[in-house]
Protein backbone atom coordinates (compact mmCIF):
# COMPACT_ATOMS: atom_id res chain seq x y z
CA UNK A 1 18.30 -32.59 35.69
CA UNK A 2 15.41 -30.17 35.81
CA UNK A 3 12.11 -31.63 36.92
CA UNK A 4 9.06 -31.24 34.65
CA UNK A 5 7.06 -28.10 35.29
CA UNK A 6 10.00 -26.12 36.70
CA UNK A 7 11.06 -22.88 35.07
CA UNK A 8 14.58 -22.09 34.01
CA UNK A 9 16.48 -19.54 36.09
CA UNK A 10 16.32 -17.01 33.20
CA UNK A 11 12.53 -17.18 33.02
CA UNK A 12 12.25 -16.84 36.79
CA UNK A 13 14.54 -13.76 36.77
CA UNK A 14 12.55 -12.18 33.93
CA UNK A 15 9.24 -12.78 35.71
CA UNK A 16 10.70 -11.36 38.92
CA UNK A 17 11.67 -8.07 37.21
CA UNK A 18 9.34 -5.11 37.66
CA UNK A 19 6.88 -4.98 34.78
CA UNK A 20 8.14 -1.60 33.51
CA UNK A 21 11.73 -2.91 33.14
CA UNK A 22 10.51 -6.13 31.51
CA UNK A 23 8.40 -4.14 29.02
CA UNK A 24 11.33 -1.90 28.10
CA UNK A 25 13.56 -4.84 27.34
CA UNK A 26 11.03 -6.96 25.43
CA UNK A 27 8.92 -4.37 23.61
CA UNK A 28 10.87 -2.57 20.91
CA UNK A 29 7.98 -1.35 18.83
CA UNK A 30 4.63 0.31 19.51
CA UNK A 31 2.50 -1.62 17.01
CA UNK A 32 -0.66 0.25 17.98
CA UNK A 33 0.90 3.63 17.15
CA UNK A 34 2.35 2.17 13.95
CA UNK A 35 -1.13 0.92 13.01
CA UNK A 36 -2.73 4.33 13.62
CA UNK A 37 -0.15 6.16 11.53
CA UNK A 38 0.29 3.62 8.73
CA UNK A 39 -2.93 1.67 8.13
CA UNK A 40 -4.19 3.84 5.28
CA UNK A 41 -0.79 3.86 3.60
CA UNK A 42 -0.40 0.08 3.90
CA UNK A 43 -3.86 -0.35 2.39
CA UNK A 44 -3.05 2.04 -0.49
CA UNK A 45 0.22 0.20 -1.11
CA UNK A 46 -1.52 -3.19 -1.12
CA UNK A 47 -4.20 -1.77 -3.40
CA UNK A 48 -1.51 -0.56 -5.82
CA UNK A 49 0.04 -4.02 -5.99
CA UNK A 50 -3.12 -6.13 -6.01
CA UNK A 51 -5.67 -3.85 -7.66
CA UNK A 52 -8.39 -5.60 -5.68
CA UNK A 53 -10.06 -3.86 -2.74
CA UNK A 54 -11.00 -6.94 -0.72
CA UNK A 55 -7.60 -8.58 -1.25
CA UNK A 56 -5.88 -5.32 -0.23
CA UNK A 57 -7.96 -5.24 2.96
CA UNK A 58 -6.99 -8.86 3.71
CA UNK A 59 -3.31 -8.18 3.05
CA UNK A 60 -3.41 -5.05 5.25
CA UNK A 61 -4.91 -7.02 8.12
CA UNK A 62 -2.43 -9.84 7.60
CA UNK A 63 0.52 -7.42 7.54
CA UNK A 64 -0.48 -5.89 10.87
CA UNK A 65 -1.15 -9.30 12.37
CA UNK A 66 2.32 -10.46 11.33
CA UNK A 67 3.86 -7.21 12.60
CA UNK A 68 2.20 -7.71 15.98
CA UNK A 69 3.36 -11.32 16.24
CA UNK A 70 6.91 -10.40 15.17
CA UNK A 71 7.18 -7.07 17.02
CA UNK A 72 10.09 -8.32 19.11
CA UNK A 73 12.10 -9.07 15.97
CA UNK A 74 12.14 -5.39 14.92
CA UNK A 75 15.67 -3.96 15.05
CA UNK A 76 15.92 -0.14 14.96
CA UNK A 77 19.39 -0.27 13.44
CA UNK A 78 18.06 -1.93 10.30
CA UNK A 79 15.54 0.77 9.37
CA UNK A 80 12.46 2.66 10.44
CA UNK A 81 9.35 0.92 11.79
CA UNK A 82 7.49 1.95 8.61
CA UNK A 83 10.10 0.33 6.36
CA UNK A 84 9.94 -2.84 8.47
CA UNK A 85 6.14 -2.83 8.27
CA UNK A 86 6.10 -2.25 4.51
CA UNK A 87 8.53 -5.14 4.08
CA UNK A 88 6.00 -7.34 5.86
CA UNK A 89 3.15 -5.89 3.76
CA UNK A 90 5.14 -6.47 0.58
CA UNK A 91 5.70 -10.12 1.45
CA UNK A 92 2.00 -10.57 2.31
CA UNK A 93 0.95 -8.97 -1.00
CA UNK A 94 3.40 -11.11 -2.99
CA UNK A 95 2.08 -14.20 -1.19
CA UNK A 96 -1.44 -13.19 -2.23
CA UNK A 97 -0.37 -12.65 -5.85
CA UNK A 98 1.29 -16.07 -5.92
CA UNK A 99 -1.78 -17.65 -4.36
CA UNK A 100 -4.02 -16.13 -7.01
CA UNK A 101 -1.72 -17.06 -9.85
CA UNK A 102 -0.74 -13.44 -10.46
CA UNK A 103 -4.14 -12.47 -11.81
CA UNK A 104 -5.55 -9.43 -10.10
CA UNK A 105 -8.46 -7.43 -11.42
CA UNK A 106 -9.75 -4.13 -10.09
CA UNK A 107 -13.20 -5.06 -8.77
CA UNK A 108 -14.03 -1.78 -7.10
CA UNK A 109 -12.79 1.76 -7.36
CA UNK A 110 -11.01 3.11 -4.28
CA UNK A 111 -13.04 5.68 -2.40
CA UNK A 112 -12.21 9.22 -3.48
CA UNK A 113 -12.19 12.13 -1.07
CA UNK A 114 -14.89 14.66 -1.83
CA UNK A 115 -13.23 17.57 -3.68
CA UNK A 116 -14.82 20.98 -4.17
CA UNK A 117 -17.30 21.20 -7.04
CA UNK A 118 -14.87 23.12 -9.27
CA UNK A 119 -12.14 20.50 -8.91
CA UNK A 120 -14.22 17.32 -9.00
CA UNK A 121 -14.11 16.74 -12.77
CA UNK A 122 -10.38 17.51 -13.13
CA UNK A 123 -9.41 15.46 -10.11
CA UNK A 124 -11.54 12.52 -11.24
CA UNK A 125 -9.99 12.65 -14.71
CA UNK A 126 -6.43 12.83 -13.31
CA UNK A 127 -7.11 9.90 -10.98
CA UNK A 128 -8.53 7.83 -13.83
CA UNK A 129 -5.49 8.59 -16.02
CA UNK A 130 -3.06 7.66 -13.22
CA UNK A 131 -5.00 4.46 -12.40
CA UNK A 132 -4.99 3.44 -16.04
CA UNK A 133 -1.29 4.24 -16.38
CA UNK A 134 -0.46 2.33 -13.16
CA UNK A 135 -2.46 -0.65 -14.39
CA UNK A 136 -0.32 -0.70 -17.54
CA UNK A 137 2.96 -0.83 -15.61
CA UNK A 138 4.73 -4.07 -14.82
CA UNK A 139 4.23 -5.25 -11.22
CA UNK A 140 7.75 -4.24 -10.11
CA UNK A 141 7.17 -0.63 -11.27
CA UNK A 142 3.79 -0.50 -9.48
CA UNK A 143 5.50 -1.81 -6.36
CA UNK A 144 8.21 0.88 -6.50
CA UNK A 145 5.65 3.65 -6.98
CA UNK A 146 3.62 2.26 -4.07
CA UNK A 147 6.61 2.07 -1.73
CA UNK A 148 7.65 5.62 -2.55
CA UNK A 149 4.31 7.40 -2.62
CA UNK A 150 1.93 5.29 -0.52
CA UNK A 151 4.45 4.18 2.06
CA UNK A 152 6.48 7.39 1.95
CA UNK A 153 9.73 5.44 2.21
CA UNK A 154 13.13 6.90 1.37
CA UNK A 155 15.26 5.29 -1.32
CA UNK A 156 17.41 3.70 1.40
CA UNK A 157 14.32 2.17 3.02
CA UNK A 158 13.00 0.98 -0.35
CA UNK A 159 16.39 -0.63 -0.97
CA UNK A 160 16.14 -2.52 2.33
CA UNK A 161 12.60 -3.69 1.57
CA UNK A 162 13.57 -4.90 -1.91
CA UNK A 163 16.98 -6.24 -0.97
CA UNK A 164 18.92 -4.08 -3.44
CA UNK A 165 21.46 -1.27 -3.09
CA UNK A 166 20.26 2.27 -2.46
CA UNK A 167 21.55 3.48 -5.82
CA UNK A 168 19.84 0.57 -7.57
CA UNK A 169 16.55 1.39 -5.80
CA UNK A 170 16.87 5.04 -6.89
CA UNK A 171 17.58 4.05 -10.47
CA UNK A 172 14.67 1.61 -10.58
CA UNK A 173 12.34 4.21 -9.06
CA UNK A 174 13.46 6.88 -11.53
CA UNK A 175 12.82 4.54 -14.46
CA UNK A 176 9.43 3.48 -13.08
CA UNK A 177 8.38 7.12 -12.67
CA UNK A 178 9.52 7.92 -16.21
CA UNK A 179 7.42 5.00 -17.54
CA UNK A 180 4.45 6.16 -15.43
CA UNK A 181 4.73 9.73 -16.80
CA UNK A 182 4.97 8.38 -20.36
CA UNK A 183 1.91 6.20 -19.79
CA UNK A 184 -0.02 9.17 -18.36
CA UNK A 185 0.96 11.35 -21.31
CA UNK A 186 -0.07 8.63 -23.78
CA UNK A 187 -3.53 8.25 -22.22
CA UNK A 188 -6.14 10.21 -24.21
């Protein structure tokens, strides 16, 4: 019987390994690099789902916190780090929607980049039309558009995030985009 306070042989062997070997075996994901390359996209995706700036900021922070805590559970064979991260962000956003009783209002407009003076009016009008059209879509369609265009995920990655087949994800995305185009065309 092992006495209290004694380590198992496996822990002792792991601690005895050189740090560089131990890091290679336990760290599968560079969360810091993933944060630098994905934070704006995760925020935009959360904003698309929640339509609330402060809630999107909270969900973005929560998604990266969960990704950091679960970094050792990432498996490269199951998809890209971005797809894994957006799966976490999706779950955090859905948790937030459930917590709020699925009522999300747009409290603040997302910050626009400063376009040239000749394009400012057209760009602002196009953004307003797309925002209004997105707001009119059902949550699942908004989610699909966000995963494709904010997250930049492939149809295969979207399928893994949503838990559907790749062809089903492509079909759902195609239909969501058609509904978005129709909504944009219908906006005066």
